Amino acid sequence: MTNLPERAGTPATPEMRAGDADRERVAQVLRDAAGDGRLTLTELDERLDAVYAAKTYGELEPITRDLPAPGASPPAAPASGTPDWRPLEGAPSWKSGVGIMSGFRRAGVWNVPRRFRAFAFWGGGKIDLREARFDERETTIRALAIMGGFEIIVPDDITVHVKGLGIMGGFDQRASGPGVPGAPTVVVKGLAFWGGVGVKRRKSSRQKKKRDKELKQADND
């Protein structure tokens, strides 16, 4: 059971009576979690009350079910110098964009879903991925532009595959190409009819900062 002791030679069961040592061990897990910022002080007090009122293992187990076991390793962080593409908690997330005789914009820091759909009719939209985070290693953007158009901007260190079709319009595929090792992949599909879909590679602010830092170090040397 999560964070619960097992007595020598006896498998722990929910019906087994808990002792003072068992309750204190679980209480320490809660205190450590609060110290790590996983629990607020209010949550800590509420859970400690539940711990000291518990009579069995079955009553103790749910109290720490959402907490890591003692000594568990935290999620691996990106290696030094490697961009962090993981979703950012609290950032907006859009699954689509529609421009009908109008326009839309998806830009800044946002979490990109596995599939994004864009539609424009006598309108358009801008999809800027330079500061975006990605829910999955591969993202597919399906773009349908009818007498309208899209501008899609991707950072030049990610992998891009453009597979769209232009009929009396254009579907720019020049941005297709590999990115840095470990980078996410963006696949752009769809149709441009009397319209256009332009995909452009640009440096992100992350890349610009890295370049400026390298130039500064070179000047110091």
N, C-alpha and C. Protein backbone atom coordinates (compact mmCIF):
# COMPACT_ATOMS: atom_id res chain seq x y z
N MET A 1 0.83 -1.19 0.00
CA MET A 1 0.00 0.00 0.00
C MET A 1 0.87 1.25 0.00
N THR A 2 0.38 2.32 -0.59
CA THR A 2 1.16 3.53 -0.72
C THR A 2 1.57 4.10 0.62
N ASN A 3 2.90 4.27 0.80
CA ASN A 3 3.45 4.91 1.99
C ASN A 3 3.13 4.21 3.30
N LEU A 4 2.68 2.98 3.27
CA LEU A 4 2.34 2.27 4.50
C LEU A 4 3.34 1.16 4.77
N PRO A 5 3.66 0.91 6.03
CA PRO A 5 4.62 -0.15 6.35
C PRO A 5 4.01 -1.53 6.20
N GLU A 6 4.87 -2.52 6.06
CA GLU A 6 4.41 -3.90 6.08
C GLU A 6 5.12 -4.61 7.22
N ARG A 7 4.38 -5.36 7.95
CA ARG A 7 4.97 -6.06 9.09
C ARG A 7 5.67 -7.32 8.62
N ALA A 8 6.78 -7.59 9.23
CA ALA A 8 7.61 -8.71 8.80
C ALA A 8 6.81 -10.00 8.70
N GLY A 9 6.85 -10.60 7.50
CA GLY A 9 6.20 -11.89 7.31
C GLY A 9 4.70 -11.81 7.18
N THR A 10 4.10 -10.63 7.27
CA THR A 10 2.65 -10.51 7.20
C THR A 10 2.25 -9.46 6.17
N PRO A 11 1.63 -9.86 5.06
CA PRO A 11 1.20 -8.88 4.07
C PRO A 11 0.20 -7.91 4.69
N ALA A 12 0.37 -6.62 4.38
CA ALA A 12 -0.56 -5.62 4.89
C ALA A 12 -1.91 -5.76 4.21
N THR A 13 -2.98 -5.67 4.96
CA THR A 13 -4.34 -5.72 4.42
C THR A 13 -5.10 -4.51 4.95
N PRO A 14 -6.13 -4.06 4.24
CA PRO A 14 -6.89 -2.90 4.68
C PRO A 14 -7.51 -3.08 6.07
N GLU A 15 -7.82 -4.33 6.44
CA GLU A 15 -8.50 -4.57 7.72
C GLU A 15 -7.53 -4.59 8.90
N MET A 16 -6.23 -4.65 8.63
CA MET A 16 -5.26 -4.77 9.71
C MET A 16 -5.27 -3.50 10.57
N ARG A 17 -5.23 -3.69 11.87
CA ARG A 17 -5.23 -2.56 12.79
C ARG A 17 -3.89 -1.82 12.72
N ALA A 18 -3.96 -0.51 12.70
CA ALA A 18 -2.76 0.32 12.65
C ALA A 18 -2.30 0.67 14.06
N GLY A 19 -1.00 0.73 14.26
CA GLY A 19 -0.45 1.09 15.55
C GLY A 19 0.02 2.54 15.57
N ASP A 20 0.48 2.98 16.73
CA ASP A 20 0.96 4.36 16.86
C ASP A 20 2.13 4.62 15.92
N ALA A 21 3.03 3.63 15.78
CA ALA A 21 4.18 3.80 14.90
C ALA A 21 3.75 3.96 13.45
N ASP A 22 2.70 3.22 13.06
CA ASP A 22 2.18 3.33 11.70
C ASP A 22 1.62 4.73 11.45
N ARG A 23 0.83 5.21 12.41
CA ARG A 23 0.24 6.53 12.24
C ARG A 23 1.33 7.62 12.20
N GLU A 24 2.35 7.47 13.04
CA GLU A 24 3.41 8.47 13.06
C GLU A 24 4.21 8.48 11.77
N ARG A 25 4.39 7.30 11.19
CA ARG A 25 5.12 7.23 9.92
C ARG A 25 4.37 7.96 8.82
N VAL A 26 3.05 7.75 8.76
CA VAL A 26 2.25 8.44 7.76
C VAL A 26 2.23 9.94 8.03
N ALA A 27 2.17 10.32 9.31
CA ALA A 27 2.18 11.74 9.66
C ALA A 27 3.46 12.40 9.18
N GLN A 28 4.59 11.69 9.28
CA GLN A 28 5.86 12.25 8.83
C GLN A 28 5.88 12.44 7.32
N VAL A 29 5.25 11.51 6.59
CA VAL A 29 5.14 11.67 5.13
C VAL A 29 4.39 12.95 4.80
N LEU A 30 3.32 13.23 5.56
CA LEU A 30 2.54 14.45 5.33
C LEU A 30 3.36 15.69 5.64
N ARG A 31 4.11 15.65 6.74
CA ARG A 31 4.93 16.82 7.10
C ARG A 31 6.00 17.08 6.03
N ASP A 32 6.60 16.00 5.53
CA ASP A 32 7.60 16.16 4.47
C ASP A 32 6.96 16.74 3.21
N ALA A 33 5.75 16.28 2.89
CA ALA A 33 5.05 16.77 1.69
C ALA A 33 4.73 18.26 1.83
N ALA A 34 4.33 18.68 3.04
CA ALA A 34 4.06 20.10 3.26
C ALA A 34 5.35 20.92 3.13
N GLY A 35 6.46 20.35 3.62
CA GLY A 35 7.73 21.04 3.51
C GLY A 35 8.18 21.19 2.06
N ASP A 36 7.77 20.25 1.20
CA ASP A 36 8.12 20.31 -0.22
C ASP A 36 7.15 21.17 -1.01
N GLY A 37 6.11 21.69 -0.34
CA GLY A 37 5.13 22.51 -1.03
C GLY A 37 4.02 21.72 -1.70
N ARG A 38 3.91 20.41 -1.40
CA ARG A 38 2.87 19.59 -2.02
C ARG A 38 1.52 19.76 -1.30
N LEU A 39 1.56 20.17 -0.05
CA LEU A 39 0.34 20.38 0.74
C LEU A 39 0.40 21.76 1.38
N THR A 40 -0.78 22.40 1.47
CA THR A 40 -0.86 23.65 2.23
C THR A 40 -0.93 23.31 3.71
N LEU A 41 -0.75 24.31 4.56
CA LEU A 41 -0.83 24.07 6.00
C LEU A 41 -2.23 23.62 6.40
N THR A 42 -3.24 24.16 5.74
CA THR A 42 -4.62 23.74 6.03
C THR A 42 -4.83 22.28 5.69
N GLU A 43 -4.32 21.88 4.50
CA GLU A 43 -4.43 20.47 4.10
C GLU A 43 -3.66 19.58 5.06
N LEU A 44 -2.49 20.04 5.49
CA LEU A 44 -1.69 19.25 6.43
C LEU A 44 -2.47 19.00 7.72
N ASP A 45 -3.07 20.05 8.28
CA ASP A 45 -3.83 19.90 9.52
C ASP A 45 -5.00 18.93 9.35
N GLU A 46 -5.71 19.05 8.22
CA GLU A 46 -6.86 18.18 7.97
C GLU A 46 -6.42 16.72 7.87
N ARG A 47 -5.33 16.48 7.17
CA ARG A 47 -4.88 15.10 6.97
C ARG A 47 -4.28 14.52 8.25
N LEU A 48 -3.61 15.35 9.04
CA LEU A 48 -3.08 14.85 10.32
C LEU A 48 -4.22 14.43 11.25
N ASP A 49 -5.31 15.19 11.25
CA ASP A 49 -6.48 14.81 12.05
C ASP A 49 -6.99 13.44 11.62
N ALA A 50 -7.02 13.22 10.29
CA ALA A 50 -7.50 11.94 9.77
C ALA A 50 -6.53 10.81 10.13
N VAL A 51 -5.22 11.11 10.12
CA VAL A 51 -4.23 10.09 10.46
C VAL A 51 -4.41 9.62 11.90
N TYR A 52 -4.49 10.54 12.83
CA TYR A 52 -4.55 10.16 14.25
C TYR A 52 -5.90 9.58 14.64
N ALA A 53 -6.90 9.74 13.76
CA ALA A 53 -8.21 9.14 14.01
C ALA A 53 -8.33 7.76 13.36
N ALA A 54 -7.38 7.41 12.47
CA ALA A 54 -7.46 6.15 11.73
C ALA A 54 -7.19 4.96 12.65
N LYS A 55 -7.94 3.89 12.42
CA LYS A 55 -7.78 2.68 13.23
C LYS A 55 -7.19 1.53 12.42
N THR A 56 -7.31 1.58 11.08
CA THR A 56 -6.83 0.47 10.25
C THR A 56 -5.95 1.00 9.11
N TYR A 57 -5.22 0.07 8.47
CA TYR A 57 -4.43 0.43 7.31
C TYR A 57 -5.33 0.98 6.19
N GLY A 58 -6.51 0.42 6.05
CA GLY A 58 -7.44 0.87 5.01
C GLY A 58 -7.83 2.33 5.18
N GLU A 59 -7.86 2.82 6.44
CA GLU A 59 -8.20 4.21 6.68
C GLU A 59 -6.98 5.12 6.48
N LEU A 60 -5.79 4.58 6.68
CA LEU A 60 -4.58 5.37 6.48
C LEU A 60 -4.19 5.53 5.01
N GLU A 61 -4.38 4.49 4.24
CA GLU A 61 -3.87 4.46 2.87
C GLU A 61 -4.36 5.62 2.00
N PRO A 62 -5.65 5.99 1.99
CA PRO A 62 -6.09 7.07 1.09
C PRO A 62 -5.50 8.43 1.44
N ILE A 63 -5.03 8.60 2.66
CA ILE A 63 -4.56 9.91 3.10
C ILE A 63 -3.30 10.33 2.34
N THR A 64 -2.49 9.36 1.92
CA THR A 64 -1.25 9.68 1.21
C THR A 64 -1.23 9.13 -0.21
N ARG A 65 -2.39 8.75 -0.71
CA ARG A 65 -2.45 8.11 -2.03
C ARG A 65 -1.94 9.03 -3.14
N ASP A 66 -2.14 10.33 -3.01
CA ASP A 66 -1.72 11.27 -4.05
C ASP A 66 -0.33 11.85 -3.82
N LEU A 67 0.41 11.25 -2.89
CA LEU A 67 1.76 11.74 -2.59
C LEU A 67 2.80 10.68 -2.97
N PRO A 68 4.00 11.10 -3.39
CA PRO A 68 5.04 10.13 -3.73
C PRO A 68 5.54 9.41 -2.49
N ALA A 69 5.98 8.18 -2.68
CA ALA A 69 6.54 7.42 -1.57
C ALA A 69 7.84 8.05 -1.13
N PRO A 70 8.20 7.91 0.15
CA PRO A 70 9.47 8.48 0.63
C PRO A 70 10.65 7.97 -0.20
N GLY A 71 11.50 8.88 -0.62
CA GLY A 71 12.67 8.51 -1.40
C GLY A 71 12.42 8.42 -2.89
N ALA A 72 11.16 8.63 -3.32
CA ALA A 72 10.88 8.55 -4.75
C ALA A 72 11.57 9.69 -5.48
N SER A 73 12.05 9.41 -6.68
CA SER A 73 12.75 10.42 -7.46
C SER A 73 11.74 11.35 -8.11
N PRO A 74 12.04 12.65 -8.16
CA PRO A 74 11.14 13.59 -8.83
C PRO A 74 11.21 13.39 -10.33
N PRO A 75 10.25 13.93 -11.10
CA PRO A 75 10.30 13.81 -12.56
C PRO A 75 11.60 14.38 -13.10
N ALA A 76 12.12 13.71 -14.09
CA ALA A 76 13.40 14.14 -14.65
C ALA A 76 13.28 15.51 -15.29
N ALA A 77 14.22 16.37 -14.99
CA ALA A 77 14.25 17.70 -15.59
C ALA A 77 15.05 17.63 -16.88
N PRO A 78 14.81 18.56 -17.80
CA PRO A 78 15.59 18.55 -19.04
C PRO A 78 17.07 18.74 -18.73
N ALA A 79 17.90 18.11 -19.55
CA ALA A 79 19.33 18.27 -19.36
C ALA A 79 19.73 19.72 -19.57
N SER A 80 20.83 20.10 -18.95
CA SER A 80 21.29 21.48 -19.05
C SER A 80 21.45 21.89 -20.51
N GLY A 81 20.86 23.03 -20.87
CA GLY A 81 20.94 23.52 -22.23
C GLY A 81 19.87 22.97 -23.15
N THR A 82 19.06 22.01 -22.67
CA THR A 82 18.00 21.43 -23.48
C THR A 82 16.70 22.18 -23.25
N PRO A 83 16.00 22.62 -24.30
CA PRO A 83 14.75 23.35 -24.11
C PRO A 83 13.72 22.51 -23.38
N ASP A 84 12.91 23.16 -22.57
CA ASP A 84 11.84 22.49 -21.86
C ASP A 84 10.56 22.64 -22.67
N TRP A 85 10.13 21.54 -23.30
CA TRP A 85 8.94 21.58 -24.16
C TRP A 85 7.69 21.14 -23.42
N ARG A 86 7.82 20.73 -22.15
CA ARG A 86 6.69 20.17 -21.43
C ARG A 86 5.59 21.20 -21.19
N PRO A 87 4.32 20.74 -21.07
CA PRO A 87 3.21 21.67 -20.80
C PRO A 87 3.46 22.47 -19.53
N LEU A 88 2.98 23.70 -19.54
CA LEU A 88 3.17 24.59 -18.40
C LEU A 88 1.83 24.76 -17.68
N GLU A 89 1.80 24.38 -16.41
CA GLU A 89 0.57 24.49 -15.63
C GLU A 89 0.12 25.94 -15.56
N GLY A 90 -1.17 26.16 -15.83
CA GLY A 90 -1.74 27.50 -15.78
C GLY A 90 -1.72 28.23 -17.10
N ALA A 91 -0.96 27.73 -18.09
CA ALA A 91 -0.92 28.37 -19.40
C ALA A 91 -2.20 28.05 -20.17
N PRO A 92 -2.66 28.95 -21.04
CA PRO A 92 -3.87 28.66 -21.82
C PRO A 92 -3.64 27.53 -22.80
N SER A 93 -4.72 26.89 -23.19
CA SER A 93 -4.64 25.80 -24.16
C SER A 93 -5.82 25.93 -25.13
N TRP A 94 -5.52 25.97 -26.41
CA TRP A 94 -6.57 26.06 -27.43
C TRP A 94 -6.50 24.84 -28.33
N LYS A 95 -7.66 24.31 -28.69
CA LYS A 95 -7.72 23.16 -29.59
C LYS A 95 -8.08 23.56 -31.02
N SER A 96 -8.49 24.81 -31.21
CA SER A 96 -8.91 25.21 -32.54
C SER A 96 -8.83 26.73 -32.69
N GLY A 97 -8.99 27.16 -33.94
CA GLY A 97 -9.07 28.58 -34.26
C GLY A 97 -9.95 28.74 -35.48
N VAL A 98 -10.88 29.70 -35.44
CA VAL A 98 -11.83 29.91 -36.53
C VAL A 98 -11.82 31.38 -36.93
N GLY A 99 -11.67 31.63 -38.23
CA GLY A 99 -11.75 32.98 -38.75
C GLY A 99 -12.72 33.04 -39.91
N ILE A 100 -13.95 33.46 -39.67
CA ILE A 100 -14.98 33.60 -40.71
C ILE A 100 -15.24 35.09 -40.88
N MET A 101 -14.76 35.63 -41.97
CA MET A 101 -14.81 37.07 -42.22
C MET A 101 -14.21 37.83 -41.03
N SER A 102 -13.24 37.20 -40.40
CA SER A 102 -12.56 37.78 -39.25
C SER A 102 -11.24 37.04 -39.08
N GLY A 103 -10.61 37.21 -37.92
CA GLY A 103 -9.33 36.54 -37.71
C GLY A 103 -9.17 36.07 -36.28
N PHE A 104 -8.19 35.21 -36.05
CA PHE A 104 -7.86 34.75 -34.71
C PHE A 104 -6.35 34.71 -34.57
N ARG A 105 -5.90 34.66 -33.32
CA ARG A 105 -4.47 34.64 -33.04
C ARG A 105 -4.22 33.70 -31.87
N ARG A 106 -3.27 32.79 -32.03
CA ARG A 106 -2.83 31.91 -30.97
C ARG A 106 -1.32 32.11 -30.83
N ALA A 107 -0.92 32.75 -29.76
CA ALA A 107 0.49 33.11 -29.62
C ALA A 107 0.87 33.22 -28.16
N GLY A 108 2.14 33.47 -27.91
CA GLY A 108 2.64 33.59 -26.54
C GLY A 108 2.92 32.22 -25.95
N VAL A 109 2.92 32.14 -24.63
CA VAL A 109 3.13 30.87 -23.94
C VAL A 109 1.78 30.17 -23.82
N TRP A 110 1.64 29.06 -24.53
CA TRP A 110 0.40 28.28 -24.46
C TRP A 110 0.70 26.82 -24.68
N ASN A 111 -0.18 25.96 -24.18
CA ASN A 111 0.00 24.52 -24.29
C ASN A 111 -0.71 24.02 -25.55
N VAL A 112 0.06 23.45 -26.45
CA VAL A 112 -0.49 22.98 -27.72
C VAL A 112 -0.97 21.53 -27.57
N PRO A 113 -2.24 21.24 -27.92
CA PRO A 113 -2.72 19.87 -27.80
C PRO A 113 -2.17 18.97 -28.91
N ARG A 114 -2.48 17.70 -28.82
CA ARG A 114 -2.00 16.74 -29.82
C ARG A 114 -2.56 17.07 -31.20
N ARG A 115 -3.79 17.58 -31.24
CA ARG A 115 -4.41 17.96 -32.51
C ARG A 115 -4.98 19.37 -32.40
N PHE A 116 -4.68 20.20 -33.39
CA PHE A 116 -5.21 21.56 -33.45
C PHE A 116 -5.84 21.75 -34.81
N ARG A 117 -7.08 22.29 -34.83
CA ARG A 117 -7.81 22.50 -36.08
C ARG A 117 -8.00 23.99 -36.32
N ALA A 118 -7.71 24.40 -37.56
CA ALA A 118 -7.86 25.80 -37.94
C ALA A 118 -8.74 25.90 -39.19
N PHE A 119 -9.70 26.83 -39.17
CA PHE A 119 -10.61 27.02 -40.32
C PHE A 119 -10.75 28.51 -40.60
N ALA A 120 -10.63 28.85 -41.88
CA ALA A 120 -10.79 30.25 -42.28
C ALA A 120 -11.62 30.33 -43.56
N PHE A 121 -12.62 31.22 -43.54
CA PHE A 121 -13.44 31.50 -44.72
C PHE A 121 -13.55 33.02 -44.82
N TRP A 122 -12.93 33.56 -45.87
CA TRP A 122 -12.87 35.02 -46.00
C TRP A 122 -12.28 35.62 -44.73
N GLY A 123 -11.35 34.94 -44.19
CA GLY A 123 -10.71 35.40 -42.96
C GLY A 123 -9.35 34.75 -42.82
N GLY A 124 -8.84 34.72 -41.61
CA GLY A 124 -7.53 34.12 -41.42
C GLY A 124 -7.16 33.98 -39.96
N GLY A 125 -5.94 33.56 -39.76
CA GLY A 125 -5.47 33.38 -38.39
C GLY A 125 -3.97 33.26 -38.33
N LYS A 126 -3.43 33.52 -37.14
CA LYS A 126 -2.00 33.39 -36.91
C LYS A 126 -1.78 32.41 -35.78
N ILE A 127 -0.95 31.39 -36.04
CA ILE A 127 -0.63 30.36 -35.04
C ILE A 127 0.87 30.45 -34.80
N ASP A 128 1.22 30.96 -33.65
CA ASP A 128 2.63 31.21 -33.33
C ASP A 128 3.08 30.21 -32.26
N LEU A 129 4.01 29.34 -32.61
CA LEU A 129 4.47 28.28 -31.70
C LEU A 129 5.84 28.58 -31.09
N ARG A 130 6.35 29.78 -31.25
CA ARG A 130 7.71 30.05 -30.80
C ARG A 130 7.89 29.92 -29.29
N GLU A 131 6.86 30.27 -28.52
CA GLU A 131 6.96 30.17 -27.07
C GLU A 131 6.04 29.07 -26.51
N ALA A 132 5.52 28.23 -27.39
CA ALA A 132 4.53 27.23 -26.99
C ALA A 132 5.17 26.04 -26.29
N ARG A 133 4.35 25.36 -25.49
CA ARG A 133 4.70 24.07 -24.90
C ARG A 133 3.80 23.02 -25.56
N PHE A 134 4.22 21.75 -25.49
CA PHE A 134 3.53 20.71 -26.24
C PHE A 134 3.08 19.58 -25.33
N ASP A 135 1.77 19.21 -25.47
CA ASP A 135 1.21 18.11 -24.68
C ASP A 135 1.81 16.77 -25.08
N GLU A 136 2.14 16.61 -26.36
CA GLU A 136 2.67 15.35 -26.88
C GLU A 136 3.94 15.62 -27.69
N ARG A 137 4.67 14.54 -27.97
CA ARG A 137 5.89 14.68 -28.77
C ARG A 137 5.57 15.05 -30.21
N GLU A 138 4.35 14.71 -30.68
CA GLU A 138 3.97 15.07 -32.05
C GLU A 138 2.63 15.79 -32.04
N THR A 139 2.56 16.90 -32.70
CA THR A 139 1.35 17.72 -32.81
C THR A 139 0.95 17.82 -34.27
N THR A 140 -0.34 17.66 -34.55
CA THR A 140 -0.85 17.79 -35.92
C THR A 140 -1.76 19.01 -36.00
N ILE A 141 -1.45 19.90 -36.93
CA ILE A 141 -2.29 21.07 -37.20
C ILE A 141 -3.00 20.83 -38.52
N ARG A 142 -4.32 20.78 -38.48
CA ARG A 142 -5.12 20.62 -39.70
C ARG A 142 -5.69 21.98 -40.06
N ALA A 143 -5.29 22.50 -41.20
CA ALA A 143 -5.67 23.84 -41.61
C ALA A 143 -6.50 23.79 -42.89
N LEU A 144 -7.69 24.40 -42.85
CA LEU A 144 -8.56 24.51 -44.02
C LEU A 144 -8.81 25.99 -44.27
N ALA A 145 -8.26 26.49 -45.37
CA ALA A 145 -8.40 27.91 -45.71
C ALA A 145 -9.15 28.04 -47.03
N ILE A 146 -10.32 28.65 -46.98
CA ILE A 146 -11.13 28.88 -48.18
C ILE A 146 -11.26 30.39 -48.37
N MET A 147 -10.64 30.88 -49.42
CA MET A 147 -10.60 32.32 -49.67
C MET A 147 -10.12 33.05 -48.42
N GLY A 148 -9.15 32.44 -47.77
CA GLY A 148 -8.57 33.02 -46.56
C GLY A 148 -7.16 32.48 -46.40
N GLY A 149 -6.58 32.70 -45.25
CA GLY A 149 -5.22 32.22 -45.07
C GLY A 149 -4.76 32.14 -43.63
N PHE A 150 -3.67 31.40 -43.44
CA PHE A 150 -3.07 31.23 -42.12
C PHE A 150 -1.58 31.54 -42.20
N GLU A 151 -1.09 32.10 -41.11
CA GLU A 151 0.35 32.25 -40.92
C GLU A 151 0.73 31.39 -39.73
N ILE A 152 1.57 30.40 -39.96
CA ILE A 152 2.00 29.49 -38.90
C ILE A 152 3.50 29.71 -38.69
N ILE A 153 3.86 30.09 -37.48
CA ILE A 153 5.26 30.36 -37.16
C ILE A 153 5.76 29.30 -36.19
N VAL A 154 6.85 28.65 -36.54
CA VAL A 154 7.41 27.59 -35.71
C VAL A 154 8.83 27.96 -35.33
N PRO A 155 9.28 27.59 -34.13
CA PRO A 155 10.69 27.81 -33.79
C PRO A 155 11.56 26.94 -34.67
N ASP A 156 12.73 27.44 -35.03
CA ASP A 156 13.52 26.69 -36.01
C ASP A 156 14.31 25.54 -35.42
N ASP A 157 14.07 25.22 -34.13
CA ASP A 157 14.75 24.07 -33.56
C ASP A 157 13.83 22.87 -33.35
N ILE A 158 12.59 22.90 -33.92
CA ILE A 158 11.71 21.75 -33.84
C ILE A 158 11.59 21.10 -35.22
N THR A 159 11.12 19.87 -35.25
CA THR A 159 10.93 19.14 -36.50
C THR A 159 9.57 19.50 -37.10
N VAL A 160 9.56 19.80 -38.39
CA VAL A 160 8.33 20.23 -39.06
C VAL A 160 8.13 19.42 -40.33
N HIS A 161 6.90 18.95 -40.52
CA HIS A 161 6.50 18.28 -41.77
C HIS A 161 5.25 18.98 -42.30
N VAL A 162 5.34 19.58 -43.48
CA VAL A 162 4.20 20.26 -44.09
C VAL A 162 3.71 19.38 -45.24
N LYS A 163 2.43 18.97 -45.14
CA LYS A 163 1.89 18.02 -46.12
C LYS A 163 0.59 18.50 -46.75
N GLY A 164 0.31 19.79 -46.69
CA GLY A 164 -0.95 20.31 -47.19
C GLY A 164 -0.99 20.45 -48.71
N LEU A 165 -2.19 20.75 -49.22
CA LEU A 165 -2.43 20.88 -50.65
C LEU A 165 -3.03 22.25 -50.95
N GLY A 166 -2.50 22.90 -51.99
CA GLY A 166 -3.03 24.18 -52.41
C GLY A 166 -3.73 24.06 -53.75
N ILE A 167 -4.98 24.51 -53.85
CA ILE A 167 -5.75 24.51 -55.10
C ILE A 167 -6.13 25.96 -55.41
N MET A 168 -5.58 26.47 -56.47
CA MET A 168 -5.74 27.90 -56.78
C MET A 168 -5.33 28.73 -55.57
N GLY A 169 -4.34 28.20 -54.88
CA GLY A 169 -3.81 28.87 -53.70
C GLY A 169 -2.46 28.27 -53.37
N GLY A 170 -1.97 28.50 -52.19
CA GLY A 170 -0.65 28.00 -51.84
C GLY A 170 -0.60 27.36 -50.47
N PHE A 171 0.23 26.31 -50.37
CA PHE A 171 0.48 25.64 -49.09
C PHE A 171 1.99 25.49 -49.00
N ASP A 172 2.62 26.47 -48.36
CA ASP A 172 4.07 26.58 -48.34
C ASP A 172 4.70 25.44 -47.55
N GLN A 173 5.55 24.65 -48.23
CA GLN A 173 6.18 23.50 -47.60
C GLN A 173 7.68 23.70 -47.35
N ARG A 174 8.18 24.91 -47.54
CA ARG A 174 9.61 25.14 -47.41
C ARG A 174 10.10 25.05 -45.97
N ALA A 175 9.22 25.11 -45.00
CA ALA A 175 9.64 25.04 -43.60
C ALA A 175 9.89 23.62 -43.14
N SER A 176 9.55 22.63 -43.95
CA SER A 176 9.74 21.24 -43.55
C SER A 176 11.22 20.96 -43.31
N GLY A 177 11.48 20.21 -42.23
CA GLY A 177 12.85 19.87 -41.93
C GLY A 177 13.01 19.39 -40.50
N PRO A 178 14.17 18.83 -40.16
CA PRO A 178 14.40 18.29 -38.81
C PRO A 178 14.71 19.39 -37.81
N GLY A 179 14.52 19.05 -36.53
CA GLY A 179 14.88 19.95 -35.45
C GLY A 179 16.03 19.38 -34.65
N VAL A 180 16.26 19.92 -33.48
CA VAL A 180 17.34 19.43 -32.62
C VAL A 180 16.91 18.10 -32.00
N PRO A 181 17.85 17.26 -31.56
CA PRO A 181 17.50 15.99 -30.94
C PRO A 181 16.57 16.20 -29.74
N GLY A 182 15.51 15.38 -29.71
CA GLY A 182 14.56 15.46 -28.60
C GLY A 182 13.48 16.49 -28.77
N ALA A 183 13.52 17.27 -29.84
CA ALA A 183 12.51 18.31 -30.05
C ALA A 183 11.19 17.69 -30.50
N PRO A 184 10.07 18.36 -30.21
CA PRO A 184 8.78 17.86 -30.68
C PRO A 184 8.67 17.99 -32.20
N THR A 185 7.67 17.30 -32.74
CA THR A 185 7.41 17.33 -34.18
C THR A 185 6.05 17.97 -34.43
N VAL A 186 6.00 18.89 -35.39
CA VAL A 186 4.74 19.52 -35.78
C VAL A 186 4.45 19.12 -37.23
N VAL A 187 3.27 18.54 -37.45
CA VAL A 187 2.84 18.14 -38.79
C VAL A 187 1.70 19.08 -39.20
N VAL A 188 1.86 19.75 -40.33
CA VAL A 188 0.84 20.67 -40.82
C VAL A 188 0.18 20.04 -42.04
N LYS A 189 -1.13 19.78 -41.93
CA LYS A 189 -1.88 19.17 -43.03
C LYS A 189 -3.05 20.09 -43.39
N GLY A 190 -3.72 19.75 -44.50
CA GLY A 190 -4.93 20.47 -44.82
C GLY A 190 -5.02 20.90 -46.26
N LEU A 191 -5.84 21.95 -46.50
CA LEU A 191 -6.16 22.40 -47.85
C LEU A 191 -6.28 23.92 -47.87
N ALA A 192 -5.72 24.51 -48.91
CA ALA A 192 -5.89 25.94 -49.16
C ALA A 192 -6.55 26.10 -50.52
N PHE A 193 -7.79 26.58 -50.55
CA PHE A 193 -8.56 26.76 -51.79
C PHE A 193 -8.82 28.26 -51.96
N TRP A 194 -8.22 28.81 -53.02
CA TRP A 194 -8.28 30.26 -53.20
C TRP A 194 -7.78 30.97 -51.94
N GLY A 195 -6.79 30.38 -51.36
CA GLY A 195 -6.23 30.96 -50.14
C GLY A 195 -4.81 30.47 -49.97
N GLY A 196 -4.29 30.64 -48.78
CA GLY A 196 -2.92 30.23 -48.57
C GLY A 196 -2.60 29.88 -47.12
N VAL A 197 -1.65 28.98 -46.96
CA VAL A 197 -1.13 28.61 -45.64
C VAL A 197 0.38 28.78 -45.70
N GLY A 198 0.88 29.71 -44.93
CA GLY A 198 2.32 29.96 -44.90
C GLY A 198 2.93 29.45 -43.61
N VAL A 199 3.96 28.62 -43.70
CA VAL A 199 4.64 28.08 -42.53
C VAL A 199 6.07 28.63 -42.54
N LYS A 200 6.43 29.33 -41.48
CA LYS A 200 7.73 29.99 -41.43
C LYS A 200 8.48 29.59 -40.16
N ARG A 201 9.79 29.43 -40.30
CA ARG A 201 10.66 29.17 -39.16
C ARG A 201 11.24 30.49 -38.66
N ARG A 202 11.17 30.67 -37.34
CA ARG A 202 11.73 31.88 -36.72
C ARG A 202 12.39 31.48 -35.40
N LYS A 203 13.33 32.26 -34.95
CA LYS A 203 13.97 31.99 -33.66
C LYS A 203 13.03 32.41 -32.53
N SER A 204 12.97 31.58 -31.50
CA SER A 204 12.17 31.90 -30.32
C SER A 204 12.99 32.81 -29.41
N SER A 205 12.32 33.40 -28.42
CA SER A 205 13.04 34.25 -27.46
C SER A 205 14.07 33.42 -26.69
N ARG A 206 13.76 32.12 -26.49
CA ARG A 206 14.70 31.23 -25.81
C ARG A 206 15.99 31.11 -26.63
N GLN A 207 15.86 30.96 -27.92
CA GLN A 207 17.03 30.84 -28.78
C GLN A 207 17.81 32.15 -28.85
N LYS A 208 17.06 33.27 -28.89
CA LYS A 208 17.73 34.57 -28.95
C LYS A 208 18.53 34.84 -27.68
N LYS A 209 17.97 34.47 -26.52
CA LYS A 209 18.69 34.65 -25.27
C LYS A 209 19.95 33.79 -25.24
N LYS A 210 19.82 32.57 -25.74
CA LYS A 210 20.97 31.68 -25.77
C LYS A 210 22.07 32.24 -26.68
N ARG A 211 21.66 32.76 -27.83
CA ARG A 211 22.63 33.34 -28.76
C ARG A 211 23.31 34.57 -28.15
N ASP A 212 22.50 35.44 -27.50
CA ASP A 212 23.08 36.63 -26.87
C ASP A 212 24.08 36.24 -25.77
N LYS A 213 23.74 35.18 -25.02
CA LYS A 213 24.64 34.73 -23.96
C LYS A 213 25.95 34.22 -24.54
N GLU A 214 25.84 33.47 -25.65
CA GLU A 214 27.05 32.94 -26.28
C GLU A 214 27.91 34.08 -26.84
N LEU A 215 27.28 35.10 -27.41
CA LEU A 215 28.02 36.23 -27.95
C LEU A 215 28.71 37.00 -26.83
N LYS A 216 28.01 37.14 -25.70
CA LYS A 216 28.58 37.86 -24.57
C LYS A 216 29.79 37.10 -24.03
N GLN A 217 29.66 35.77 -23.92
CA GLN A 217 30.78 34.97 -23.44
C GLN A 217 31.96 35.06 -24.40
N ALA A 218 31.67 35.08 -25.72
CA ALA A 218 32.74 35.18 -26.71
C ALA A 218 33.46 36.51 -26.58
N ASP A 219 32.71 37.59 -26.32
CA ASP A 219 33.33 38.91 -26.15
C ASP A 219 34.23 38.94 -24.91
N ASN A 220 33.78 38.27 -23.84
CA ASN A 220 34.56 38.24 -22.61
C ASN A 220 35.86 37.45 -22.79
N ASP A 221 35.76 36.40 -23.62
CA ASP A 221 36.96 35.61 -23.88
C ASP A 221 37.93 36.42 -24.74
